[in-house]
Amino acid sequence: MSGFAEKDYKIFEMFEKQWALATAGTLEHFNSCTIAWGMLGTTWVKPGNGGEVATIFLYPTRHTLEFVQQSDQFTISFFPKSYKKMLGYMGTHSGRDGDKAAACGLTPVAMGESVTYEEANLTFLCKKLYQHQISKEDLAPEIKEFYEVQPGIFPRDESGDWQTHWIFVGRIIAVDDRR
């Protein structure tokens, strides 16, 4: 993991343009979903800890949410450009309905207490530090409108109301960079 913080990750492009898979669980029972929202940065710095963290956002209807909520570790895995179609599939199909990784021909491998994929060329292993659903009341009006006007992207709850994402902050404890 030495030196990973000095590398150029193009953080404003990674999530939005490349997409990634967020994964949690064990090799025996895990789930992944495509994410396009995320951040890399520093917080909660203390002696002996650089405070390098990754933050991801998961929508409440995502099956992967349950896995990340119940796990101490999760991974964020990026892939070569040739895997964009696979990432599209992983983001539009639910792990509740079948083995998405197998359907895409992905090879799950253990990383720490979580799972990544042999095909990934950059994976961050994170120890979960924080999880919480974003509060509607604290959102700016334009963000509330963002959710309200996109029911096809952000499915409604049982009462027909829009929901907010869950936020997960994890300390980066290992990096597998094969780019």
N, C-alpha and C. Protein backbone atom coordinates (compact mmCIF):
# COMPACT_ATOMS: atom_id res chain seq x y z
N MET A 1 0.82 -1.19 0.00
CA MET A 1 0.00 0.00 0.00
C MET A 1 0.87 1.25 0.00
N SER A 2 2.11 1.10 0.23
CA SER A 2 3.05 2.20 0.32
C SER A 2 2.97 3.09 -0.92
N GLY A 3 2.83 4.41 -0.68
CA GLY A 3 2.87 5.37 -1.77
C GLY A 3 1.59 5.55 -2.55
N PHE A 4 0.54 4.86 -2.20
CA PHE A 4 -0.68 4.97 -3.00
C PHE A 4 -1.26 6.38 -2.98
N ALA A 5 -1.07 7.11 -1.90
CA ALA A 5 -1.65 8.46 -1.79
C ALA A 5 -0.97 9.45 -2.74
N GLU A 6 0.21 9.14 -3.23
CA GLU A 6 0.91 10.04 -4.15
C GLU A 6 0.54 9.81 -5.61
N LYS A 7 -0.18 8.77 -5.90
CA LYS A 7 -0.52 8.45 -7.29
C LYS A 7 -1.63 9.35 -7.81
N ASP A 8 -1.68 9.48 -9.13
CA ASP A 8 -2.70 10.29 -9.78
C ASP A 8 -3.89 9.40 -10.13
N TYR A 9 -5.00 9.62 -9.43
CA TYR A 9 -6.17 8.80 -9.67
C TYR A 9 -7.25 9.50 -10.50
N LYS A 10 -7.03 10.75 -10.89
CA LYS A 10 -8.03 11.50 -11.67
C LYS A 10 -9.40 11.37 -11.00
N ILE A 11 -9.46 11.78 -9.75
CA ILE A 11 -10.63 11.52 -8.93
C ILE A 11 -11.92 12.16 -9.44
N PHE A 12 -11.82 13.20 -10.25
CA PHE A 12 -13.04 13.80 -10.78
C PHE A 12 -13.56 13.06 -12.00
N GLU A 13 -12.81 12.11 -12.50
CA GLU A 13 -13.25 11.30 -13.63
C GLU A 13 -13.56 9.86 -13.24
N MET A 14 -12.86 9.36 -12.24
CA MET A 14 -12.94 7.94 -11.90
C MET A 14 -14.37 7.45 -11.73
N PHE A 15 -15.10 8.06 -10.83
CA PHE A 15 -16.44 7.59 -10.52
C PHE A 15 -17.43 7.95 -11.62
N GLU A 16 -17.43 9.21 -12.02
CA GLU A 16 -18.44 9.67 -12.97
C GLU A 16 -18.29 9.05 -14.36
N LYS A 17 -17.07 8.95 -14.85
CA LYS A 17 -16.88 8.49 -16.23
C LYS A 17 -16.50 7.02 -16.34
N GLN A 18 -15.69 6.53 -15.39
CA GLN A 18 -15.26 5.13 -15.45
C GLN A 18 -16.27 4.21 -14.79
N TRP A 19 -16.90 4.67 -13.75
CA TRP A 19 -17.75 3.88 -12.89
C TRP A 19 -16.88 2.86 -12.13
N ALA A 20 -17.49 2.21 -11.17
CA ALA A 20 -16.78 1.22 -10.36
C ALA A 20 -17.80 0.23 -9.81
N LEU A 21 -17.30 -0.84 -9.23
CA LEU A 21 -18.16 -1.77 -8.49
C LEU A 21 -17.88 -1.61 -7.01
N ALA A 22 -18.94 -1.40 -6.24
CA ALA A 22 -18.86 -1.45 -4.78
C ALA A 22 -19.26 -2.87 -4.40
N THR A 23 -18.45 -3.50 -3.56
CA THR A 23 -18.68 -4.90 -3.20
C THR A 23 -18.47 -5.08 -1.70
N ALA A 24 -19.31 -5.93 -1.10
CA ALA A 24 -19.14 -6.30 0.31
C ALA A 24 -19.63 -7.72 0.50
N GLY A 25 -19.12 -8.34 1.56
CA GLY A 25 -19.47 -9.72 1.87
C GLY A 25 -18.23 -10.59 1.82
N THR A 26 -18.46 -11.89 1.78
CA THR A 26 -17.37 -12.87 1.70
C THR A 26 -17.47 -13.60 0.37
N LEU A 27 -16.45 -14.35 0.01
CA LEU A 27 -16.51 -15.11 -1.25
C LEU A 27 -17.72 -16.04 -1.29
N GLU A 28 -18.15 -16.50 -0.13
CA GLU A 28 -19.30 -17.40 -0.09
C GLU A 28 -20.63 -16.66 -0.25
N HIS A 29 -20.67 -15.36 0.12
CA HIS A 29 -21.93 -14.60 0.08
C HIS A 29 -21.60 -13.10 -0.02
N PHE A 30 -21.68 -12.57 -1.23
CA PHE A 30 -21.34 -11.17 -1.47
C PHE A 30 -22.26 -10.60 -2.54
N ASN A 31 -22.20 -9.30 -2.71
CA ASN A 31 -22.92 -8.65 -3.80
C ASN A 31 -22.17 -7.39 -4.21
N SER A 32 -22.32 -7.04 -5.46
CA SER A 32 -21.68 -5.84 -6.03
C SER A 32 -22.72 -5.04 -6.79
N CYS A 33 -22.50 -3.74 -6.86
CA CYS A 33 -23.31 -2.90 -7.74
C CYS A 33 -22.43 -1.82 -8.33
N THR A 34 -22.84 -1.34 -9.49
CA THR A 34 -22.12 -0.27 -10.15
C THR A 34 -22.40 1.04 -9.44
N ILE A 35 -21.35 1.82 -9.25
CA ILE A 35 -21.50 3.14 -8.65
C ILE A 35 -20.85 4.19 -9.55
N ALA A 36 -21.45 5.35 -9.59
CA ALA A 36 -20.89 6.48 -10.32
C ALA A 36 -20.70 7.67 -9.39
N TRP A 37 -21.07 7.49 -8.12
CA TRP A 37 -20.89 8.55 -7.11
C TRP A 37 -19.88 8.07 -6.10
N GLY A 38 -18.83 8.85 -5.90
CA GLY A 38 -17.83 8.51 -4.91
C GLY A 38 -16.79 9.60 -4.80
N MET A 39 -15.99 9.50 -3.76
CA MET A 39 -14.94 10.49 -3.51
C MET A 39 -13.75 9.83 -2.84
N LEU A 40 -12.58 10.39 -3.08
CA LEU A 40 -11.37 10.03 -2.36
C LEU A 40 -10.89 11.30 -1.65
N GLY A 41 -10.40 11.16 -0.43
CA GLY A 41 -9.92 12.33 0.29
C GLY A 41 -9.31 11.96 1.62
N THR A 42 -9.26 12.92 2.53
CA THR A 42 -8.71 12.68 3.86
C THR A 42 -9.66 13.24 4.90
N THR A 43 -9.78 12.51 5.99
CA THR A 43 -10.55 12.97 7.15
C THR A 43 -10.16 12.12 8.35
N TRP A 44 -10.46 12.61 9.53
CA TRP A 44 -10.18 11.89 10.77
C TRP A 44 -8.71 11.47 10.85
N VAL A 45 -7.82 12.42 10.52
CA VAL A 45 -6.38 12.17 10.56
C VAL A 45 -5.91 12.17 12.01
N LYS A 46 -5.08 11.20 12.36
CA LYS A 46 -4.47 11.15 13.69
C LYS A 46 -3.07 10.60 13.54
N PRO A 47 -2.21 10.74 14.55
CA PRO A 47 -0.83 10.23 14.43
C PRO A 47 -0.82 8.75 14.02
N GLY A 48 0.00 8.46 13.03
CA GLY A 48 0.11 7.09 12.54
C GLY A 48 -0.95 6.71 11.54
N ASN A 49 -1.86 7.65 11.22
CA ASN A 49 -2.94 7.38 10.29
C ASN A 49 -3.08 8.61 9.40
N GLY A 50 -2.82 8.43 8.12
CA GLY A 50 -2.91 9.55 7.19
C GLY A 50 -4.32 10.01 6.93
N GLY A 51 -5.31 9.24 7.33
CA GLY A 51 -6.69 9.64 7.15
C GLY A 51 -7.22 9.49 5.74
N GLU A 52 -6.55 8.68 4.90
CA GLU A 52 -7.03 8.50 3.53
C GLU A 52 -8.32 7.69 3.53
N VAL A 53 -9.36 8.25 2.93
CA VAL A 53 -10.66 7.61 2.93
C VAL A 53 -11.26 7.60 1.53
N ALA A 54 -12.19 6.69 1.34
CA ALA A 54 -13.03 6.66 0.15
C ALA A 54 -14.48 6.74 0.63
N THR A 55 -15.28 7.49 -0.10
CA THR A 55 -16.69 7.64 0.23
C THR A 55 -17.52 7.17 -0.95
N ILE A 56 -18.51 6.34 -0.67
CA ILE A 56 -19.42 5.88 -1.72
C ILE A 56 -20.86 6.17 -1.30
N PHE A 57 -21.73 6.19 -2.28
CA PHE A 57 -23.14 6.47 -2.06
C PHE A 57 -23.95 5.35 -2.69
N LEU A 58 -24.86 4.74 -1.91
CA LEU A 58 -25.69 3.65 -2.41
C LEU A 58 -27.16 4.00 -2.20
N TYR A 59 -27.96 3.72 -3.22
CA TYR A 59 -29.39 3.99 -3.14
C TYR A 59 -30.07 2.88 -2.33
N PRO A 60 -31.10 3.22 -1.56
CA PRO A 60 -31.73 2.24 -0.65
C PRO A 60 -32.27 0.97 -1.31
N THR A 61 -32.61 1.03 -2.59
CA THR A 61 -33.15 -0.16 -3.24
C THR A 61 -32.06 -1.13 -3.71
N ARG A 62 -30.81 -0.74 -3.61
CA ARG A 62 -29.72 -1.60 -4.08
C ARG A 62 -29.49 -2.76 -3.11
N HIS A 63 -29.43 -3.97 -3.65
CA HIS A 63 -29.19 -5.17 -2.84
C HIS A 63 -27.84 -5.08 -2.12
N THR A 64 -26.87 -4.46 -2.76
CA THR A 64 -25.53 -4.32 -2.17
C THR A 64 -25.57 -3.51 -0.88
N LEU A 65 -26.54 -2.63 -0.73
CA LEU A 65 -26.65 -1.80 0.47
C LEU A 65 -26.62 -2.65 1.73
N GLU A 66 -27.40 -3.73 1.76
CA GLU A 66 -27.47 -4.60 2.93
C GLU A 66 -26.09 -5.20 3.25
N PHE A 67 -25.36 -5.57 2.22
CA PHE A 67 -24.05 -6.18 2.41
C PHE A 67 -23.06 -5.17 3.00
N VAL A 68 -23.07 -3.93 2.48
CA VAL A 68 -22.15 -2.92 3.00
C VAL A 68 -22.54 -2.53 4.42
N GLN A 69 -23.83 -2.43 4.68
CA GLN A 69 -24.28 -2.09 6.04
C GLN A 69 -23.81 -3.12 7.06
N GLN A 70 -23.81 -4.40 6.68
CA GLN A 70 -23.51 -5.48 7.61
C GLN A 70 -22.04 -5.87 7.65
N SER A 71 -21.21 -5.26 6.81
CA SER A 71 -19.80 -5.64 6.72
C SER A 71 -18.90 -4.57 7.33
N ASP A 72 -17.75 -5.01 7.83
CA ASP A 72 -16.76 -4.07 8.35
C ASP A 72 -15.87 -3.52 7.24
N GLN A 73 -15.80 -4.25 6.12
CA GLN A 73 -14.96 -3.82 5.00
C GLN A 73 -15.76 -3.89 3.71
N PHE A 74 -15.36 -3.05 2.75
CA PHE A 74 -15.94 -3.08 1.41
C PHE A 74 -14.85 -2.72 0.42
N THR A 75 -15.06 -3.05 -0.85
CA THR A 75 -14.10 -2.69 -1.89
C THR A 75 -14.77 -1.78 -2.91
N ILE A 76 -13.92 -1.00 -3.55
CA ILE A 76 -14.30 -0.17 -4.69
C ILE A 76 -13.36 -0.57 -5.80
N SER A 77 -13.90 -1.18 -6.86
CA SER A 77 -13.07 -1.74 -7.92
C SER A 77 -13.34 -1.06 -9.25
N PHE A 78 -12.25 -0.63 -9.89
CA PHE A 78 -12.31 -0.01 -11.21
C PHE A 78 -11.77 -1.00 -12.23
N PHE A 79 -12.21 -0.84 -13.48
CA PHE A 79 -11.89 -1.80 -14.53
C PHE A 79 -11.38 -1.08 -15.78
N PRO A 80 -10.69 -1.81 -16.65
CA PRO A 80 -10.30 -1.21 -17.93
C PRO A 80 -11.56 -0.78 -18.71
N LYS A 81 -11.36 0.14 -19.65
CA LYS A 81 -12.48 0.68 -20.44
C LYS A 81 -13.30 -0.41 -21.13
N SER A 82 -12.66 -1.49 -21.50
CA SER A 82 -13.36 -2.57 -22.21
C SER A 82 -14.45 -3.24 -21.37
N TYR A 83 -14.51 -2.94 -20.07
CA TYR A 83 -15.51 -3.54 -19.17
C TYR A 83 -16.72 -2.64 -18.94
N LYS A 84 -16.85 -1.57 -19.69
CA LYS A 84 -17.95 -0.62 -19.47
C LYS A 84 -19.32 -1.29 -19.65
N LYS A 85 -19.47 -2.16 -20.65
CA LYS A 85 -20.75 -2.85 -20.86
C LYS A 85 -21.08 -3.73 -19.65
N MET A 86 -20.07 -4.41 -19.11
CA MET A 86 -20.26 -5.24 -17.91
C MET A 86 -20.72 -4.38 -16.75
N LEU A 87 -20.11 -3.21 -16.57
CA LEU A 87 -20.51 -2.31 -15.49
C LEU A 87 -21.95 -1.86 -15.68
N GLY A 88 -22.35 -1.66 -16.92
CA GLY A 88 -23.75 -1.32 -17.19
C GLY A 88 -24.69 -2.44 -16.76
N TYR A 89 -24.32 -3.68 -17.06
CA TYR A 89 -25.13 -4.83 -16.64
C TYR A 89 -25.20 -4.92 -15.12
N MET A 90 -24.06 -4.77 -14.46
CA MET A 90 -24.01 -4.89 -13.00
C MET A 90 -24.82 -3.79 -12.32
N GLY A 91 -25.03 -2.68 -13.03
CA GLY A 91 -25.79 -1.58 -12.47
C GLY A 91 -27.28 -1.62 -12.77
N THR A 92 -27.68 -2.48 -13.69
CA THR A 92 -29.10 -2.54 -14.08
C THR A 92 -29.77 -3.86 -13.72
N HIS A 93 -29.03 -4.77 -13.12
CA HIS A 93 -29.59 -6.04 -12.69
C HIS A 93 -29.35 -6.21 -11.19
N SER A 94 -30.24 -6.92 -10.53
CA SER A 94 -30.13 -7.09 -9.08
C SER A 94 -29.54 -8.44 -8.73
N GLY A 95 -28.69 -8.44 -7.72
CA GLY A 95 -28.14 -9.68 -7.20
C GLY A 95 -29.21 -10.52 -6.50
N ARG A 96 -30.36 -9.93 -6.22
CA ARG A 96 -31.48 -10.70 -5.65
C ARG A 96 -32.01 -11.72 -6.67
N ASP A 97 -31.79 -11.42 -7.97
CA ASP A 97 -32.36 -12.24 -9.03
C ASP A 97 -31.38 -13.24 -9.64
N GLY A 98 -30.14 -13.21 -9.23
CA GLY A 98 -29.17 -14.13 -9.80
C GLY A 98 -27.74 -13.67 -9.56
N ASP A 99 -26.81 -14.46 -10.04
CA ASP A 99 -25.38 -14.19 -9.87
C ASP A 99 -24.91 -13.29 -11.01
N LYS A 100 -24.89 -11.99 -10.76
CA LYS A 100 -24.50 -11.02 -11.78
C LYS A 100 -23.04 -11.20 -12.19
N ALA A 101 -22.18 -11.48 -11.23
CA ALA A 101 -20.76 -11.63 -11.54
C ALA A 101 -20.55 -12.79 -12.51
N ALA A 102 -21.21 -13.90 -12.27
CA ALA A 102 -21.09 -15.05 -13.17
C ALA A 102 -21.65 -14.72 -14.54
N ALA A 103 -22.77 -14.00 -14.57
CA ALA A 103 -23.38 -13.62 -15.84
C ALA A 103 -22.45 -12.74 -16.68
N CYS A 104 -21.58 -11.99 -16.01
CA CYS A 104 -20.63 -11.11 -16.70
C CYS A 104 -19.28 -11.77 -16.92
N GLY A 105 -19.11 -12.99 -16.44
CA GLY A 105 -17.84 -13.68 -16.59
C GLY A 105 -16.75 -13.15 -15.68
N LEU A 106 -17.13 -12.53 -14.56
CA LEU A 106 -16.15 -12.00 -13.63
C LEU A 106 -15.65 -13.08 -12.67
N THR A 107 -14.42 -12.91 -12.20
CA THR A 107 -13.79 -13.86 -11.29
C THR A 107 -13.63 -13.22 -9.92
N PRO A 108 -14.52 -13.55 -8.95
CA PRO A 108 -14.40 -12.97 -7.62
C PRO A 108 -13.16 -13.51 -6.90
N VAL A 109 -12.47 -12.61 -6.19
CA VAL A 109 -11.32 -12.99 -5.38
C VAL A 109 -11.40 -12.26 -4.04
N ALA A 110 -10.91 -12.91 -3.00
CA ALA A 110 -10.92 -12.29 -1.68
C ALA A 110 -9.89 -11.16 -1.64
N MET A 111 -10.26 -10.10 -0.94
CA MET A 111 -9.32 -9.02 -0.62
C MET A 111 -9.67 -8.58 0.79
N GLY A 112 -8.74 -8.78 1.72
CA GLY A 112 -9.03 -8.50 3.12
C GLY A 112 -10.23 -9.33 3.55
N GLU A 113 -11.19 -8.69 4.17
CA GLU A 113 -12.43 -9.35 4.59
C GLU A 113 -13.56 -9.04 3.62
N SER A 114 -13.22 -8.79 2.37
CA SER A 114 -14.21 -8.47 1.35
C SER A 114 -13.88 -9.18 0.05
N VAL A 115 -14.44 -8.68 -1.03
CA VAL A 115 -14.31 -9.32 -2.34
C VAL A 115 -14.04 -8.26 -3.40
N THR A 116 -13.18 -8.59 -4.34
CA THR A 116 -12.98 -7.79 -5.54
C THR A 116 -12.98 -8.76 -6.71
N TYR A 117 -12.47 -8.34 -7.85
CA TYR A 117 -12.48 -9.18 -9.04
C TYR A 117 -11.10 -9.22 -9.67
N GLU A 118 -10.73 -10.39 -10.16
CA GLU A 118 -9.45 -10.57 -10.84
C GLU A 118 -9.32 -9.59 -12.01
N GLU A 119 -10.41 -9.27 -12.67
CA GLU A 119 -10.39 -8.42 -13.85
C GLU A 119 -10.22 -6.93 -13.52
N ALA A 120 -10.42 -6.55 -12.27
CA ALA A 120 -10.28 -5.14 -11.87
C ALA A 120 -8.81 -4.73 -11.97
N ASN A 121 -8.58 -3.49 -12.42
CA ASN A 121 -7.20 -3.03 -12.48
C ASN A 121 -6.85 -2.03 -11.38
N LEU A 122 -7.84 -1.65 -10.56
CA LEU A 122 -7.60 -0.79 -9.41
C LEU A 122 -8.68 -1.06 -8.38
N THR A 123 -8.27 -1.49 -7.20
CA THR A 123 -9.24 -1.76 -6.13
C THR A 123 -8.76 -1.12 -4.84
N PHE A 124 -9.69 -0.44 -4.17
CA PHE A 124 -9.46 0.11 -2.85
C PHE A 124 -10.21 -0.77 -1.85
N LEU A 125 -9.49 -1.30 -0.85
CA LEU A 125 -10.11 -2.02 0.24
C LEU A 125 -10.30 -1.03 1.37
N CYS A 126 -11.52 -0.92 1.86
CA CYS A 126 -11.85 0.08 2.87
C CYS A 126 -12.41 -0.55 4.13
N LYS A 127 -11.97 -0.03 5.27
CA LYS A 127 -12.56 -0.38 6.56
C LYS A 127 -13.64 0.66 6.84
N LYS A 128 -14.85 0.19 7.00
CA LYS A 128 -15.97 1.12 7.16
C LYS A 128 -15.84 1.91 8.46
N LEU A 129 -15.93 3.23 8.34
CA LEU A 129 -15.85 4.13 9.50
C LEU A 129 -17.19 4.79 9.80
N TYR A 130 -18.03 4.95 8.78
CA TYR A 130 -19.26 5.72 8.95
C TYR A 130 -20.28 5.26 7.93
N GLN A 131 -21.55 5.21 8.37
CA GLN A 131 -22.66 4.94 7.45
C GLN A 131 -23.89 5.69 7.95
N HIS A 132 -24.62 6.26 7.02
CA HIS A 132 -25.83 6.99 7.40
C HIS A 132 -26.60 7.34 6.13
N GLN A 133 -27.92 7.34 6.24
CA GLN A 133 -28.72 7.79 5.12
C GLN A 133 -28.76 9.31 5.14
N ILE A 134 -28.56 9.92 3.99
CA ILE A 134 -28.56 11.37 3.88
C ILE A 134 -29.93 11.90 4.29
N SER A 135 -29.96 12.95 5.07
CA SER A 135 -31.20 13.55 5.57
C SER A 135 -31.82 14.45 4.51
N LYS A 136 -33.08 14.19 4.16
CA LYS A 136 -33.78 15.03 3.18
C LYS A 136 -33.84 16.47 3.65
N GLU A 137 -34.09 16.65 4.92
CA GLU A 137 -34.28 17.98 5.48
C GLU A 137 -33.03 18.86 5.33
N ASP A 138 -31.87 18.25 5.26
CA ASP A 138 -30.63 19.01 5.19
C ASP A 138 -30.14 19.26 3.77
N LEU A 139 -30.88 18.77 2.78
CA LEU A 139 -30.48 18.96 1.38
C LEU A 139 -30.89 20.33 0.87
N ALA A 140 -30.07 20.90 0.01
CA ALA A 140 -30.40 22.16 -0.67
C ALA A 140 -31.59 21.91 -1.60
N PRO A 141 -32.39 22.92 -1.86
CA PRO A 141 -33.57 22.76 -2.72
C PRO A 141 -33.27 22.15 -4.08
N GLU A 142 -32.15 22.53 -4.70
CA GLU A 142 -31.85 21.97 -6.03
C GLU A 142 -31.53 20.48 -5.96
N ILE A 143 -31.01 20.00 -4.84
CA ILE A 143 -30.75 18.56 -4.69
C ILE A 143 -32.05 17.82 -4.45
N LYS A 144 -32.95 18.39 -3.68
CA LYS A 144 -34.28 17.79 -3.50
C LYS A 144 -34.97 17.65 -4.85
N GLU A 145 -34.89 18.69 -5.67
CA GLU A 145 -35.49 18.64 -7.00
C GLU A 145 -34.83 17.57 -7.87
N PHE A 146 -33.52 17.41 -7.73
CA PHE A 146 -32.77 16.40 -8.46
C PHE A 146 -33.40 15.02 -8.25
N TYR A 147 -33.70 14.68 -7.01
CA TYR A 147 -34.33 13.40 -6.69
C TYR A 147 -35.79 13.36 -7.17
N GLU A 148 -36.52 14.42 -6.94
CA GLU A 148 -37.96 14.45 -7.24
C GLU A 148 -38.27 14.25 -8.71
N VAL A 149 -37.46 14.83 -9.60
CA VAL A 149 -37.79 14.81 -11.03
C VAL A 149 -37.26 13.58 -11.76
N GLN A 150 -36.66 12.62 -11.04
CA GLN A 150 -36.08 11.45 -11.69
C GLN A 150 -36.59 10.14 -11.09
N PRO A 151 -37.91 9.92 -11.10
CA PRO A 151 -38.43 8.69 -10.48
C PRO A 151 -37.97 7.41 -11.17
N GLY A 152 -37.61 7.49 -12.42
CA GLY A 152 -37.11 6.30 -13.12
C GLY A 152 -35.74 5.88 -12.65
N ILE A 153 -34.95 6.85 -12.22
CA ILE A 153 -33.60 6.57 -11.74
C ILE A 153 -33.61 6.29 -10.25
N PHE A 154 -34.43 7.04 -9.52
CA PHE A 154 -34.51 6.91 -8.08
C PHE A 154 -35.90 6.43 -7.69
N PRO A 155 -36.11 5.10 -7.64
CA PRO A 155 -37.43 4.54 -7.33
C PRO A 155 -37.98 5.05 -6.01
N ARG A 156 -39.28 5.15 -5.96
CA ARG A 156 -39.97 5.64 -4.76
C ARG A 156 -40.12 4.52 -3.73
N ASP A 157 -40.34 4.93 -2.48
CA ASP A 157 -40.58 3.96 -1.42
C ASP A 157 -42.04 3.53 -1.44
N GLU A 158 -42.45 2.74 -0.45
CA GLU A 158 -43.81 2.19 -0.40
C GLU A 158 -44.87 3.29 -0.38
N SER A 159 -44.57 4.45 0.16
CA SER A 159 -45.54 5.54 0.22
C SER A 159 -45.48 6.44 -1.01
N GLY A 160 -44.63 6.11 -1.97
CA GLY A 160 -44.53 6.89 -3.20
C GLY A 160 -43.59 8.08 -3.09
N ASP A 161 -42.83 8.17 -2.01
CA ASP A 161 -41.94 9.29 -1.78
C ASP A 161 -40.53 8.95 -2.26
N TRP A 162 -39.79 9.95 -2.68
CA TRP A 162 -38.40 9.74 -3.09
C TRP A 162 -37.53 9.52 -1.86
N GLN A 163 -36.43 8.83 -2.08
CA GLN A 163 -35.51 8.49 -1.01
C GLN A 163 -34.13 9.09 -1.29
N THR A 164 -33.32 9.16 -0.27
CA THR A 164 -31.95 9.63 -0.45
C THR A 164 -30.98 8.46 -0.35
N HIS A 165 -29.79 8.70 -0.83
CA HIS A 165 -28.72 7.70 -0.78
C HIS A 165 -28.20 7.51 0.64
N TRP A 166 -27.59 6.36 0.84
CA TRP A 166 -26.79 6.10 2.03
C TRP A 166 -25.37 6.48 1.68
N ILE A 167 -24.67 7.02 2.66
CA ILE A 167 -23.27 7.38 2.49
C ILE A 167 -22.42 6.45 3.36
N PHE A 168 -21.33 5.98 2.79
CA PHE A 168 -20.38 5.12 3.50
C PHE A 168 -18.99 5.72 3.35
N VAL A 169 -18.32 5.93 4.46
CA VAL A 169 -16.94 6.41 4.46
C VAL A 169 -16.08 5.27 4.98
N GLY A 170 -15.04 4.94 4.24
CA GLY A 170 -14.13 3.87 4.66
C GLY A 170 -12.69 4.30 4.59
N ARG A 171 -11.93 3.94 5.62
CA ARG A 171 -10.49 4.18 5.60
C ARG A 171 -9.88 3.22 4.58
N ILE A 172 -9.06 3.75 3.70
CA ILE A 172 -8.39 2.92 2.70
C ILE A 172 -7.27 2.16 3.41
N ILE A 173 -7.41 0.82 3.47
CA ILE A 173 -6.42 0.02 4.20
C ILE A 173 -5.54 -0.81 3.26
N ALA A 174 -5.93 -0.92 2.00
CA ALA A 174 -5.10 -1.61 1.00
C ALA A 174 -5.52 -1.15 -0.38
N VAL A 175 -4.56 -1.17 -1.29
CA VAL A 175 -4.82 -0.79 -2.67
C VAL A 175 -4.15 -1.81 -3.58
N ASP A 176 -4.90 -2.30 -4.56
CA ASP A 176 -4.35 -3.18 -5.59
C ASP A 176 -4.43 -2.38 -6.89
N ASP A 177 -3.29 -1.85 -7.34
CA ASP A 177 -3.24 -1.00 -8.51
C ASP A 177 -2.43 -1.70 -9.60
N ARG A 178 -3.13 -2.19 -10.61
CA ARG A 178 -2.48 -2.90 -11.73
C ARG A 178 -2.71 -2.15 -13.03
N ARG A 179 -2.90 -0.83 -12.95
CA ARG A 179 -3.13 -0.04 -14.16
C ARG A 179 -1.85 0.09 -14.97
